[in-house]
Amino acid sequence: MAIEAPTKPKVLRRGEAAERLGVHPNTLAGWVKRGWLTGAKLPSGEMRFDEDEVEALRERIYAQ
């Protein structure tokens, strides 16, 4: 039985997250304010988004 090391969660830059969601990067700021998405603000002012959370939101948006 092999034991796997825990992996770090993948984080996406604002542009990468916006591309996956099919929206303009500025749209993400509004979604963070509404609580639809959680962003982590870096000391530089840039935002990062958890890949799993972005994918879950993408599935909800495009679910048919």
PDB file of N, CA and C in Angstrom:
ATOM      1  N   MET A   1       0.842  -1.168   0.000  1.00  0.00           N
ATOM      2  CA  MET A   1       0.000   0.000   0.000  1.00  0.00           C
ATOM      3  C   MET A   1       0.894   1.240   0.000  1.00  0.00           C
ATOM      4  N   ALA A   2       0.757   2.048  -1.027  1.00  0.00           N
ATOM      5  CA  ALA A   2       1.567   3.261  -1.147  1.00  0.00           C
ATOM      6  C   ALA A   2       0.864   4.426  -0.463  1.00  0.00           C
ATOM      7  N   ILE A   3       1.641   5.222   0.215  1.00  0.00           N
ATOM      8  CA  ILE A   3       1.103   6.409   0.870  1.00  0.00           C
ATOM      9  C   ILE A   3       1.532   7.617   0.045  1.00  0.00           C
ATOM     10  N   GLU A   4       0.551   8.409  -0.360  1.00  0.00           N
ATOM     11  CA  GLU A   4       0.856   9.581  -1.163  1.00  0.00           C
ATOM     12  C   GLU A   4       1.006  10.805  -0.273  1.00  0.00           C
ATOM     13  N   ALA A   5       1.929  11.645  -0.631  1.00  0.00           N
ATOM     14  CA  ALA A   5       2.125  12.895   0.105  1.00  0.00           C
ATOM     15  C   ALA A   5       0.971  13.839  -0.219  1.00  0.00           C
ATOM     16  N   PRO A   6       0.535  14.607   0.752  1.00  0.00           N
ATOM     17  CA  PRO A   6      -0.539  15.561   0.471  1.00  0.00           C
ATOM     18  C   PRO A   6      -0.078  16.585  -0.561  1.00  0.00           C
ATOM     19  N   THR A   7      -0.993  16.987  -1.408  1.00  0.00           N
ATOM     20  CA  THR A   7      -0.647  17.957  -2.441  1.00  0.00           C
ATOM     21  C   THR A   7      -1.180  19.328  -2.057  1.00  0.00           C
ATOM     22  N   LYS A   8      -0.479  20.332  -2.501  1.00  0.00           N
ATOM     23  CA  LYS A   8      -0.915  21.697  -2.254  1.00  0.00           C
ATOM     24  C   LYS A   8      -2.106  21.997  -3.160  1.00  0.00           C
ATOM     25  N   PRO A   9      -3.067  22.762  -2.663  1.00  0.00           N
ATOM     26  CA  PRO A   9      -4.169  23.136  -3.544  1.00  0.00           C
ATOM     27  C   PRO A   9      -3.650  24.034  -4.663  1.00  0.00           C
ATOM     28  N   LYS A  10      -4.168  23.830  -5.842  1.00  0.00           N
ATOM     29  CA  LYS A  10      -3.760  24.633  -6.990  1.00  0.00           C
ATOM     30  C   LYS A  10      -4.477  25.969  -6.918  1.00  0.00           C
ATOM     31  N   VAL A  11      -3.727  27.041  -7.081  1.00  0.00           N
ATOM     32  CA  VAL A  11      -4.318  28.371  -7.097  1.00  0.00           C
ATOM     33  C   VAL A  11      -4.173  28.969  -8.484  1.00  0.00           C
ATOM     34  N   LEU A  12      -5.159  29.753  -8.852  1.00  0.00           N
ATOM     35  CA  LEU A  12      -5.187  30.360 -10.177  1.00  0.00           C
ATOM     36  C   LEU A  12      -5.066  31.870 -10.066  1.00  0.00           C
ATOM     37  N   ARG A  13      -4.384  32.458 -11.018  1.00  0.00           N
ATOM     38  CA  ARG A  13      -4.346  33.912 -11.120  1.00  0.00           C
ATOM     39  C   ARG A  13      -5.710  34.391 -11.617  1.00  0.00           C
ATOM     40  N   ARG A  14      -5.948  35.676 -11.469  1.00  0.00           N
ATOM     41  CA  ARG A  14      -7.245  36.244 -11.847  1.00  0.00           C
ATOM     42  C   ARG A  14      -7.586  35.951 -13.310  1.00  0.00           C
ATOM     43  N   GLY A  15      -6.632  36.128 -14.200  1.00  0.00           N
ATOM     44  CA  GLY A  15      -6.877  35.880 -15.623  1.00  0.00           C
ATOM     45  C   GLY A  15      -7.177  34.421 -15.924  1.00  0.00           C
ATOM     46  N   GLU A  16      -6.469  33.523 -15.243  1.00  0.00           N
ATOM     47  CA  GLU A  16      -6.696  32.090 -15.447  1.00  0.00           C
ATOM     48  C   GLU A  16      -8.091  31.692 -14.972  1.00  0.00           C
ATOM     49  N   ALA A  17      -8.480  32.199 -13.798  1.00  0.00           N
ATOM     50  CA  ALA A  17      -9.808  31.889 -13.267  1.00  0.00           C
ATOM     51  C   ALA A  17     -10.892  32.443 -14.182  1.00  0.00           C
ATOM     52  N   ALA A  18     -10.706  33.679 -14.650  1.00  0.00           N
ATOM     53  CA  ALA A  18     -11.696  34.300 -15.532  1.00  0.00           C
ATOM     54  C   ALA A  18     -11.830  33.522 -16.838  1.00  0.00           C
ATOM     55  N   GLU A  19     -10.724  33.062 -17.372  1.00  0.00           N
ATOM     56  CA  GLU A  19     -10.752  32.296 -18.623  1.00  0.00           C
ATOM     57  C   GLU A  19     -11.535  31.001 -18.442  1.00  0.00           C
ATOM     58  N   ARG A  20     -11.306  30.319 -17.343  1.00  0.00           N
ATOM     59  CA  ARG A  20     -12.025  29.065 -17.087  1.00  0.00           C
ATOM     60  C   ARG A  20     -13.520  29.292 -16.913  1.00  0.00           C
ATOM     61  N   LEU A  21     -13.878  30.461 -16.374  1.00  0.00           N
ATOM     62  CA  LEU A  21     -15.294  30.765 -16.135  1.00  0.00           C
ATOM     63  C   LEU A  21     -15.950  31.457 -17.328  1.00  0.00           C
ATOM     64  N   GLY A  22     -15.150  31.849 -18.295  1.00  0.00           N
ATOM     65  CA  GLY A  22     -15.688  32.497 -19.486  1.00  0.00           C
ATOM     66  C   GLY A  22     -16.167  33.920 -19.236  1.00  0.00           C
ATOM     67  N   VAL A  23     -15.494  34.635 -18.328  1.00  0.00           N
ATOM     68  CA  VAL A  23     -15.885  36.004 -18.009  1.00  0.00           C
ATOM     69  C   VAL A  23     -14.652  36.905 -18.058  1.00  0.00           C
ATOM     70  N   HIS A  24     -14.890  38.210 -18.022  1.00  0.00           N
ATOM     71  CA  HIS A  24     -13.798  39.182 -17.959  1.00  0.00           C
ATOM     72  C   HIS A  24     -13.186  39.130 -16.560  1.00  0.00           C
ATOM     73  N   PRO A  25     -11.879  39.311 -16.438  1.00  0.00           N
ATOM     74  CA  PRO A  25     -11.256  39.275 -15.109  1.00  0.00           C
ATOM     75  C   PRO A  25     -11.874  40.234 -14.097  1.00  0.00           C
ATOM     76  N   ASN A  26     -12.340  41.398 -14.537  1.00  0.00           N
ATOM     77  CA  ASN A  26     -12.958  42.349 -13.608  1.00  0.00           C
ATOM     78  C   ASN A  26     -14.256  41.814 -13.009  1.00  0.00           C
ATOM     79  N   THR A  27     -14.912  40.906 -13.691  1.00  0.00           N
ATOM     80  CA  THR A  27     -16.153  40.309 -13.192  1.00  0.00           C
ATOM     81  C   THR A  27     -15.914  39.552 -11.888  1.00  0.00           C
ATOM     82  N   LEU A  28     -14.746  38.976 -11.745  1.00  0.00           N
ATOM     83  CA  LEU A  28     -14.443  38.190 -10.546  1.00  0.00           C
ATOM     84  C   LEU A  28     -14.512  39.031  -9.279  1.00  0.00           C
ATOM     85  N   ALA A  29     -14.115  40.296  -9.360  1.00  0.00           N
ATOM     86  CA  ALA A  29     -14.171  41.166  -8.180  1.00  0.00           C
ATOM     87  C   ALA A  29     -15.606  41.311  -7.687  1.00  0.00           C
ATOM     88  N   GLY A  30     -16.543  41.466  -8.595  1.00  0.00           N
ATOM     89  CA  GLY A  30     -17.952  41.555  -8.219  1.00  0.00           C
ATOM     90  C   GLY A  30     -18.457  40.261  -7.613  1.00  0.00           C
ATOM     91  N   TRP A  31     -18.005  39.160  -8.152  1.00  0.00           N
ATOM     92  CA  TRP A  31     -18.436  37.868  -7.628  1.00  0.00           C
ATOM     93  C   TRP A  31     -17.883  37.628  -6.232  1.00  0.00           C
ATOM     94  N   VAL A  32     -16.663  38.108  -5.984  1.00  0.00           N
ATOM     95  CA  VAL A  32     -16.086  37.989  -4.639  1.00  0.00           C
ATOM     96  C   VAL A  32     -16.913  38.833  -3.667  1.00  0.00           C
ATOM     97  N   LYS A  33     -17.275  40.050  -4.067  1.00  0.00           N
ATOM     98  CA  LYS A  33     -18.086  40.930  -3.204  1.00  0.00           C
ATOM     99  C   LYS A  33     -19.441  40.307  -2.886  1.00  0.00           C
ATOM    100  N   ARG A  34     -20.014  39.596  -3.860  1.00  0.00           N
ATOM    101  CA  ARG A  34     -21.321  38.951  -3.659  1.00  0.00           C
ATOM    102  C   ARG A  34     -21.207  37.637  -2.896  1.00  0.00           C
ATOM    103  N   GLY A  35     -19.993  37.149  -2.697  1.00  0.00           N
ATOM    104  CA  GLY A  35     -19.796  35.898  -1.983  1.00  0.00           C
ATOM    105  C   GLY A  35     -19.914  34.668  -2.857  1.00  0.00           C
ATOM    106  N   TRP A  36     -19.948  34.854  -4.162  1.00  0.00           N
ATOM    107  CA  TRP A  36     -20.062  33.712  -5.078  1.00  0.00           C
ATOM    108  C   TRP A  36     -18.733  32.989  -5.245  1.00  0.00           C
ATOM    109  N   LEU A  37     -17.638  33.678  -4.907  1.00  0.00           N
ATOM    110  CA  LEU A  37     -16.301  33.150  -5.097  1.00  0.00           C
ATOM    111  C   LEU A  37     -15.414  33.737  -4.009  1.00  0.00           C
ATOM    112  N   THR A  38     -14.475  32.949  -3.528  1.00  0.00           N
ATOM    113  CA  THR A  38     -13.548  33.422  -2.500  1.00  0.00           C
ATOM    114  C   THR A  38     -12.200  33.688  -3.150  1.00  0.00           C
ATOM    115  N   GLY A  39     -11.671  34.848  -2.902  1.00  0.00           N
ATOM    116  CA  GLY A  39     -10.362  35.178  -3.437  1.00  0.00           C
ATOM    117  C   GLY A  39      -9.406  35.484  -2.301  1.00  0.00           C
ATOM    118  N   ALA A  40      -8.144  35.169  -2.508  1.00  0.00           N
ATOM    119  CA  ALA A  40      -7.109  35.505  -1.527  1.00  0.00           C
ATOM    120  C   ALA A  40      -6.299  36.655  -2.103  1.00  0.00           C
ATOM    121  N   LYS A  41      -6.275  37.760  -1.380  1.00  0.00           N
ATOM    122  CA  LYS A  41      -5.538  38.926  -1.849  1.00  0.00           C
ATOM    123  C   LYS A  41      -4.109  38.870  -1.318  1.00  0.00           C
ATOM    124  N   LEU A  42      -3.162  38.957  -2.224  1.00  0.00           N
ATOM    125  CA  LEU A  42      -1.748  38.950  -1.874  1.00  0.00           C
ATOM    126  C   LEU A  42      -1.318  40.348  -1.439  1.00  0.00           C
ATOM    127  N   PRO A  43      -0.203  40.464  -0.725  1.00  0.00           N
ATOM    128  CA  PRO A  43       0.288  41.791  -0.327  1.00  0.00           C
ATOM    129  C   PRO A  43       0.483  42.736  -1.520  1.00  0.00           C
ATOM    130  N   SER A  44       0.762  42.183  -2.676  1.00  0.00           N
ATOM    131  CA  SER A  44       0.941  42.994  -3.889  1.00  0.00           C
ATOM    132  C   SER A  44      -0.374  43.544  -4.419  1.00  0.00           C
ATOM    133  N   GLY A  45      -1.510  43.046  -3.874  1.00  0.00           N
ATOM    134  CA  GLY A  45      -2.827  43.470  -4.342  1.00  0.00           C
ATOM    135  C   GLY A  45      -3.439  42.517  -5.346  1.00  0.00           C
ATOM    136  N   GLU A  46      -2.660  41.574  -5.836  1.00  0.00           N
ATOM    137  CA  GLU A  46      -3.173  40.595  -6.795  1.00  0.00           C
ATOM    138  C   GLU A  46      -4.055  39.578  -6.080  1.00  0.00           C
ATOM    139  N   MET A  47      -5.005  39.025  -6.810  1.00  0.00           N
ATOM    140  CA  MET A  47      -5.912  38.023  -6.254  1.00  0.00           C
ATOM    141  C   MET A  47      -5.535  36.643  -6.778  1.00  0.00           C
ATOM    142  N   ARG A  48      -5.766  35.641  -5.931  1.00  0.00           N
ATOM    143  CA  ARG A  48      -5.598  34.244  -6.321  1.00  0.00           C
ATOM    144  C   ARG A  48      -6.873  33.509  -5.951  1.00  0.00           C
ATOM    145  N   PHE A  49      -7.207  32.498  -6.753  1.00  0.00           N
ATOM    146  CA  PHE A  49      -8.436  31.743  -6.560  1.00  0.00           C
ATOM    147  C   PHE A  49      -8.130  30.256  -6.521  1.00  0.00           C
ATOM    148  N   ASP A  50      -8.829  29.537  -5.654  1.00  0.00           N
ATOM    149  CA  ASP A  50      -8.660  28.096  -5.526  1.00  0.00           C
ATOM    150  C   ASP A  50      -9.244  27.410  -6.765  1.00  0.00           C
ATOM    151  N   GLU A  51      -8.458  26.553  -7.384  1.00  0.00           N
ATOM    152  CA  GLU A  51      -8.884  25.886  -8.614  1.00  0.00           C
ATOM    153  C   GLU A  51     -10.162  25.070  -8.404  1.00  0.00           C
ATOM    154  N   ASP A  52     -10.254  24.337  -7.299  1.00  0.00           N
ATOM    155  CA  ASP A  52     -11.437  23.514  -7.061  1.00  0.00           C
ATOM    156  C   ASP A  52     -12.690  24.374  -6.921  1.00  0.00           C
ATOM    157  N   GLU A  53     -12.564  25.526  -6.261  1.00  0.00           N
ATOM    158  CA  GLU A  53     -13.718  26.416  -6.096  1.00  0.00           C
ATOM    159  C   GLU A  53     -14.134  27.014  -7.445  1.00  0.00           C
ATOM    160  N   VAL A  54     -13.158  27.372  -8.262  1.00  0.00           N
ATOM    161  CA  VAL A  54     -13.456  27.907  -9.597  1.00  0.00           C
ATOM    162  C   VAL A  54     -14.163  26.851 -10.438  1.00  0.00           C
ATOM    163  N   GLU A  55     -13.682  25.635 -10.395  1.00  0.00           N
ATOM    164  CA  GLU A  55     -14.303  24.562 -11.177  1.00  0.00           C
ATOM    165  C   GLU A  55     -15.720  24.260 -10.687  1.00  0.00           C
ATOM    166  N   ALA A  56     -15.934  24.307  -9.369  1.00  0.00           N
ATOM    167  CA  ALA A  56     -17.278  24.063  -8.830  1.00  0.00           C
ATOM    168  C   ALA A  56     -18.236  25.159  -9.286  1.00  0.00           C
ATOM    169  N   LEU A  57     -17.780  26.414  -9.285  1.00  0.00           N
ATOM    170  CA  LEU A  57     -18.626  27.510  -9.748  1.00  0.00           C
ATOM    171  C   LEU A  57     -18.903  27.371 -11.240  1.00  0.00           C
ATOM    172  N   ARG A  58     -17.897  26.977 -11.997  1.00  0.00           N
ATOM    173  CA  ARG A  58     -18.069  26.766 -13.439  1.00  0.00           C
ATOM    174  C   ARG A  58     -19.136  25.710 -13.713  1.00  0.00           C
ATOM    175  N   GLU A  59     -19.107  24.639 -12.946  1.00  0.00           N
ATOM    176  CA  GLU A  59     -20.121  23.577 -13.122  1.00  0.00           C
ATOM    177  C   GLU A  59     -21.515  24.090 -12.805  1.00  0.00           C
ATOM    178  N   ARG A  60     -21.645  24.930 -11.763  1.00  0.00           N
ATOM    179  CA  ARG A  60     -22.963  25.483 -11.416  1.00  0.00           C
ATOM    180  C   ARG A  60     -23.457  26.438 -12.488  1.00  0.00           C
ATOM    181  N   ILE A  61     -22.543  27.251 -13.029  1.00  0.00           N
ATOM    182  CA  ILE A  61     -22.930  28.230 -14.055  1.00  0.00           C
ATOM    183  C   ILE A  61     -23.394  27.536 -15.322  1.00  0.00           C
ATOM    184  N   TYR A  62     -22.659  26.528 -15.743  1.00  0.00           N
ATOM    185  CA  TYR A  62     -22.929  25.890 -17.028  1.00  0.00           C
ATOM    186  C   TYR A  62     -23.711  24.589 -16.930  1.00  0.00           C
ATOM    187  N   ALA A  63     -24.253  24.296 -15.743  1.00  0.00           N
ATOM    188  CA  ALA A  63     -25.076  23.087 -15.589  1.00  0.00           C
ATOM    189  C   ALA A  63     -26.353  23.236 -16.411  1.00  0.00           C
ATOM    190  N   GLN A  64     -26.749  22.148 -17.025  1.00  0.00           N
ATOM    191  CA  GLN A  64     -27.966  22.223 -17.839  1.00  0.00           C
ATOM    192  C   GLN A  64     -28.955  21.182 -17.447  1.00  0.00           C
TER     193      GLN A  64
END
